[in-house]
Amino acid sequence: MEIHHSHFTDYVVPPELEESLLTAEITRRPLLLRGEPGTGKTLLAEYLSRKKNLPLYKWHIKSSSQAKEGLYFYDAVSRLNDSRFADSEMNAKVHNIENYIRMGALGLAFSEEKPSIVLIDEIDKADIEFPNDLLLELDQMEFVIVETGKFIKAKNRPLMIITSNNEKELPDAFLRRCIFHYIEFPGPDLLKSIVRVHFPDIESEILEKSISTFLKIRRLEDMKKKPSTSELLDWLSVLLAQGADLGSMNRIPYLGALVKNEEDLKNYSGRFTMN
């Protein structure tokens, strides 16, 4: 069987999510997506970029991220290093501070001549004040580069996708400016649709057995890390590549693609079966 597995073009958008996307586009507000990891929050922005043929600017948030980084970054270290060279060409570059301004995801999107998409990924990883520090830019779609005084205003308001894994609460003032959507974990029918999009030639028996086994694992109580949709697709990639015959197996093969926690493996080792 030929395995077709693309995370970008093969994305199933449930009707509820389509509705939230439409609401965000009409109101011109950011779409804030919550849901457990692996439910496709980040992939939505990549899917929309390809579907609409629009540039995508990604900003992956870390615990140390600051709001200003999404706008621009002044590379003072490079300027200092360049200043050590005495030739006239390099001196001219050093004296023009704009040569050391690096645009962030928002800065690049605001500077685009055509519409674009901005992904602010895992915003809840940052400090609690981080979302509030973005309020003005989200409202006005403009900012000033302090070092040069240059004023940047969006030529086209980008479609903004903001994801959160619900690690911490987001400020009310920030939430008021967003369209909210919670991505529920897919039920059996939607899971089958997702799998068939990624693996169109999958046999019905393998599809039914794999989904049933996957959901059985997810229903185990007190699991530290329940497997996600992306892990189901990884597991199926291995199963199909190896030609695994699920009907003849009692033990779940390639379990490491589904269960990612040592404590879960110890506590449930006897219950990870195909029956």
Protein backbone atom coordinates (compact mmCIF):
# COMPACT_ATOMS: atom_id res chain seq x y z
CA MET A 1 0.00 0.00 0.00
CA GLU A 2 1.24 3.48 -0.84
CA ILE A 3 1.30 5.58 2.32
CA HIS A 4 0.21 9.19 1.95
CA HIS A 5 0.92 11.21 5.09
CA SER A 6 0.95 15.01 4.90
CA HIS A 7 0.45 17.16 7.98
CA PHE A 8 -0.10 20.32 5.91
CA THR A 9 -2.49 19.80 3.02
CA ASP A 10 -4.50 17.01 4.65
CA TYR A 11 -6.22 18.82 7.48
CA VAL A 12 -9.82 18.11 8.43
CA VAL A 13 -11.60 21.24 9.67
CA PRO A 14 -14.73 20.42 11.73
CA PRO A 15 -17.80 22.63 11.09
CA GLU A 16 -17.50 24.32 14.49
CA LEU A 17 -13.94 25.37 13.75
CA GLU A 18 -14.94 26.61 10.28
CA GLU A 19 -17.54 28.79 11.99
CA SER A 20 -14.98 30.23 14.41
CA LEU A 21 -12.59 30.95 11.54
CA LEU A 22 -15.31 32.78 9.65
CA THR A 23 -16.13 34.80 12.77
CA ALA A 24 -12.48 35.78 13.20
CA GLU A 25 -12.19 36.85 9.57
CA ILE A 26 -15.38 38.94 9.66
CA THR A 27 -14.61 40.63 13.00
CA ARG A 28 -10.90 40.91 12.10
CA ARG A 29 -9.99 39.63 15.54
CA PRO A 30 -7.36 36.99 16.43
CA LEU A 31 -8.58 33.40 16.69
CA LEU A 32 -7.49 31.93 20.03
CA LEU A 33 -7.35 28.13 19.93
CA ARG A 34 -7.25 25.98 23.02
CA GLY A 35 -7.19 22.23 23.30
CA GLU A 36 -4.94 19.45 24.46
CA PRO A 37 -1.59 19.05 22.67
CA GLY A 38 -1.75 17.15 19.40
CA THR A 39 -5.23 18.26 18.31
CA GLY A 40 -3.94 20.29 15.35
CA LYS A 41 -3.94 23.83 16.71
CA THR A 42 -0.60 24.78 15.17
CA LEU A 43 -1.21 22.87 11.93
CA LEU A 44 -4.33 24.93 11.27
CA ALA A 45 -2.25 28.02 10.48
CA GLU A 46 -0.05 26.03 8.08
CA TYR A 47 -3.12 24.52 6.41
CA LEU A 48 -4.73 27.95 5.95
CA SER A 49 -1.51 29.37 4.54
CA ARG A 50 -1.44 26.73 1.84
CA LYS A 51 -5.17 26.74 1.16
CA LYS A 52 -5.35 30.53 0.78
CA ASN A 53 -1.86 30.86 -0.75
CA LEU A 54 -0.85 33.44 1.86
CA PRO A 55 2.53 33.94 3.55
CA LEU A 56 2.73 32.54 7.08
CA TYR A 57 4.81 34.15 9.83
CA LYS A 58 5.39 31.97 12.89
CA TRP A 59 6.22 33.13 16.39
CA HIS A 60 6.88 30.20 18.73
CA ILE A 61 6.63 31.48 22.30
CA LYS A 62 9.07 30.46 25.04
CA SER A 63 9.03 31.17 28.77
CA SER A 64 11.58 33.94 28.18
CA SER A 65 9.74 35.55 25.23
CA GLN A 66 8.93 39.26 25.33
CA ALA A 67 6.17 40.96 23.35
CA LYS A 68 8.62 43.28 21.59
CA GLU A 69 10.35 40.31 19.93
CA GLY A 70 7.32 39.72 17.75
CA LEU A 71 7.63 43.24 16.38
CA TYR A 72 11.36 43.67 15.82
CA PHE A 73 14.80 43.05 17.29
CA TYR A 74 17.74 45.44 17.37
CA ASP A 75 20.87 43.38 16.75
CA ALA A 76 23.33 45.44 18.80
CA VAL A 77 25.87 42.60 18.97
CA SER A 78 26.26 42.44 15.17
CA ARG A 79 26.60 46.21 15.02
CA LEU A 80 29.33 46.16 17.65
CA ASN A 81 31.21 43.42 15.81
CA ASP A 82 30.95 45.27 12.50
CA SER A 83 32.26 48.47 14.09
CA ARG A 84 35.63 46.77 14.57
CA PHE A 85 36.27 46.93 10.82
CA ALA A 86 37.73 50.24 9.59
CA ASP A 87 36.91 50.27 5.85
CA SER A 88 34.54 52.98 4.64
CA GLU A 89 31.90 50.58 3.34
CA MET A 90 31.57 48.87 6.72
CA ASN A 91 31.57 52.20 8.54
CA ALA A 92 28.67 53.36 6.40
CA LYS A 93 26.75 50.23 7.30
CA VAL A 94 27.45 50.63 11.03
CA HIS A 95 26.30 54.26 11.04
CA ASN A 96 22.91 53.28 9.59
CA ILE A 97 21.14 51.61 12.50
CA GLU A 98 18.37 50.33 10.22
CA ASN A 99 20.85 47.72 8.94
CA TYR A 100 20.59 46.07 12.36
CA ILE A 101 16.83 46.02 12.77
CA ARG A 102 15.42 42.51 12.33
CA MET A 103 11.65 42.24 11.96
CA GLY A 104 9.74 39.68 14.00
CA ALA A 105 6.66 37.76 12.84
CA LEU A 106 4.27 40.65 13.47
CA GLY A 107 6.66 43.20 11.96
CA LEU A 108 7.01 41.12 8.80
CA ALA A 109 3.25 40.65 8.49
CA PHE A 110 2.58 44.36 9.01
CA SER A 111 5.10 45.15 6.28
CA GLU A 112 3.49 42.78 3.75
CA GLU A 113 1.87 44.30 0.67
CA LYS A 114 -0.74 41.54 0.63
CA PRO A 115 -2.74 39.72 3.35
CA SER A 116 -0.88 37.20 5.47
CA ILE A 117 -1.29 34.82 8.39
CA VAL A 118 0.47 35.11 11.75
CA LEU A 119 0.82 32.17 14.12
CA ILE A 120 1.53 32.99 17.77
CA ASP A 121 2.15 29.50 19.09
CA GLU A 122 1.68 28.48 22.74
CA ILE A 123 1.16 31.97 24.11
CA ASP A 124 0.53 30.56 27.59
CA LYS A 125 4.20 29.57 27.91
CA ALA A 126 5.21 33.21 28.40
CA ASP A 127 4.95 35.42 31.46
CA ILE A 128 1.41 36.33 32.54
CA GLU A 129 1.91 39.94 31.41
CA PHE A 130 3.02 38.92 27.91
CA PRO A 131 -0.48 38.91 26.34
CA ASN A 132 -1.30 42.32 27.86
CA ASP A 133 1.89 43.74 26.35
CA LEU A 134 0.49 42.91 22.89
CA LEU A 135 -2.89 44.61 23.33
CA LEU A 136 -2.05 47.88 21.60
CA GLU A 137 -0.42 46.18 18.62
CA LEU A 138 -3.34 43.75 18.25
CA ASP A 139 -5.82 46.62 18.34
CA GLN A 140 -4.04 49.20 16.22
CA MET A 141 -1.85 46.92 14.06
CA GLU A 142 0.98 49.43 14.29
CA PHE A 143 4.17 50.13 16.23
CA VAL A 144 7.24 52.37 16.28
CA ILE A 145 10.85 51.17 16.03
CA VAL A 146 12.27 53.09 18.99
CA GLU A 147 15.87 53.06 17.76
CA THR A 148 15.03 54.73 14.43
CA GLY A 149 11.66 56.39 15.05
CA LYS A 150 10.24 54.58 12.04
CA PHE A 151 6.46 54.06 12.15
CA ILE A 152 5.16 50.69 10.96
CA LYS A 153 1.44 50.25 10.25
CA ALA A 154 -0.13 47.15 8.73
CA LYS A 155 -1.05 47.59 5.09
CA ASN A 156 -3.32 44.55 5.42
CA ARG A 157 -4.57 43.26 8.74
CA PRO A 158 -3.22 39.68 9.00
CA LEU A 159 -5.32 36.72 10.05
CA MET A 160 -3.91 35.86 13.46
CA ILE A 161 -4.00 32.34 14.91
CA ILE A 162 -3.02 32.15 18.59
CA THR A 163 -2.68 28.78 20.31
CA SER A 164 -2.74 27.88 23.99
CA ASN A 165 -2.36 24.58 25.80
CA ASN A 166 -4.14 26.05 28.82
CA GLU A 167 -1.00 25.93 30.99
CA LYS A 168 -2.07 29.21 32.60
CA GLU A 169 -5.02 31.57 32.47
CA LEU A 170 -4.85 34.44 30.01
CA PRO A 171 -5.81 38.01 31.04
CA ASP A 172 -9.43 39.07 30.55
CA ALA A 173 -8.41 42.15 28.56
CA PHE A 174 -6.60 39.89 26.10
CA LEU A 175 -9.45 37.38 25.87
CA ARG A 176 -11.93 40.17 25.07
CA ARG A 177 -9.96 40.93 21.91
CA CYS A 178 -10.01 37.36 20.63
CA ILE A 179 -12.46 34.95 19.06
CA PHE A 180 -12.24 31.81 21.18
CA HIS A 181 -12.48 28.21 20.05
CA TYR A 182 -11.80 25.04 22.02
CA ILE A 183 -10.77 22.11 19.83
CA GLU A 184 -12.49 19.08 21.29
CA PHE A 185 -10.68 15.78 20.97
CA PRO A 186 -12.12 14.05 17.88
CA GLY A 187 -14.71 11.34 18.30
CA PRO A 188 -14.50 8.01 16.43
CA ASP A 189 -16.14 9.24 13.22
CA LEU A 190 -13.97 12.35 12.93
CA LEU A 191 -10.86 10.31 13.76
CA LYS A 192 -11.70 7.97 10.91
CA SER A 193 -12.13 10.94 8.55
CA ILE A 194 -8.76 12.34 9.64
CA VAL A 195 -7.04 8.99 9.16
CA ARG A 196 -8.59 8.45 5.72
CA VAL A 197 -7.41 11.87 4.58
CA HIS A 198 -3.84 11.01 5.59
CA PHE A 199 -4.02 7.37 4.51
CA PRO A 200 -6.64 7.17 1.73
CA ASP A 201 -5.86 3.53 0.88
CA ILE A 202 -6.13 2.17 4.42
CA GLU A 203 -8.17 -1.01 4.70
CA SER A 204 -11.41 -0.72 6.67
CA GLU A 205 -10.48 -3.54 9.06
CA ILE A 206 -7.16 -1.90 9.95
CA LEU A 207 -8.88 1.47 10.33
CA GLU A 208 -11.53 0.13 12.69
CA LYS A 209 -9.09 -1.91 14.76
CA SER A 210 -6.52 0.86 15.11
CA ILE A 211 -9.10 3.51 16.10
CA SER A 212 -10.69 1.13 18.61
CA THR A 213 -7.31 0.33 20.18
CA PHE A 214 -6.28 3.98 20.25
CA LEU A 215 -9.49 5.07 21.99
CA LYS A 216 -9.20 2.19 24.45
CA ILE A 217 -5.80 3.54 25.52
CA ARG A 218 -7.17 7.07 25.85
CA ARG A 219 -9.99 5.83 28.11
CA LEU A 220 -7.56 4.41 30.67
CA GLU A 221 -7.97 6.42 33.86
CA ASP A 222 -5.18 8.49 35.41
CA MET A 223 -2.85 8.32 32.43
CA LYS A 224 -0.17 10.98 32.72
CA LYS A 225 -0.02 11.50 28.95
CA LYS A 226 -2.89 10.37 26.77
CA PRO A 227 -1.92 9.78 23.12
CA SER A 228 -2.98 12.53 20.71
CA THR A 229 -4.19 12.54 17.12
CA SER A 230 -0.68 13.21 15.83
CA GLU A 231 0.57 10.16 17.73
CA LEU A 232 -2.19 8.05 16.23
CA LEU A 233 -1.02 9.09 12.75
CA ASP A 234 2.61 8.32 13.63
CA TRP A 235 1.58 4.89 14.94
CA LEU A 236 -0.38 4.15 11.78
CA SER A 237 2.59 5.23 9.65
CA VAL A 238 4.68 2.51 11.30
CA LEU A 239 1.91 -0.10 11.20
CA LEU A 240 1.28 0.40 7.49
CA ALA A 241 4.94 0.62 6.58
CA GLN A 242 5.61 -2.68 8.39
CA GLY A 243 2.47 -4.39 7.10
CA ALA A 244 1.33 -5.21 10.63
CA ASP A 245 -1.61 -7.64 10.81
CA LEU A 246 -3.59 -6.25 13.74
CA GLY A 247 -6.13 -9.05 13.62
CA SER A 248 -3.56 -11.65 14.66
CA MET A 249 -1.99 -9.65 17.49
CA ASN A 250 -2.75 -9.55 21.19
CA ARG A 251 0.00 -7.12 22.18
CA ILE A 252 -0.10 -3.60 20.76
CA PRO A 253 2.92 -3.25 18.43
CA TYR A 254 5.15 -0.17 18.30
CA LEU A 255 3.67 1.10 21.56
CA GLY A 256 6.38 3.74 21.89
CA ALA A 257 4.64 5.76 19.17
CA LEU A 258 1.53 6.04 21.38
CA VAL A 259 2.60 5.94 25.04
CA LYS A 260 5.25 8.49 25.98
CA ASN A 261 5.39 8.19 29.76
CA GLU A 262 7.35 5.59 31.74
CA GLU A 263 4.85 5.59 34.61
CA ASP A 264 2.00 4.91 32.20
CA LEU A 265 3.89 1.97 30.71
CA LYS A 266 4.47 0.50 34.19
CA ASN A 267 0.95 1.05 35.48
CA TYR A 268 -0.89 -0.18 32.40
CA SER A 269 1.52 -2.63 30.78
CA GLY A 270 -0.92 -5.51 31.20
CA ARG A 271 -3.79 -3.54 29.70
CA PHE A 272 -2.11 -2.42 26.49
CA THR A 273 -3.64 -5.19 24.40
CA MET A 274 -5.49 -5.34 21.08
CA ASN A 275 -8.50 -7.13 22.61
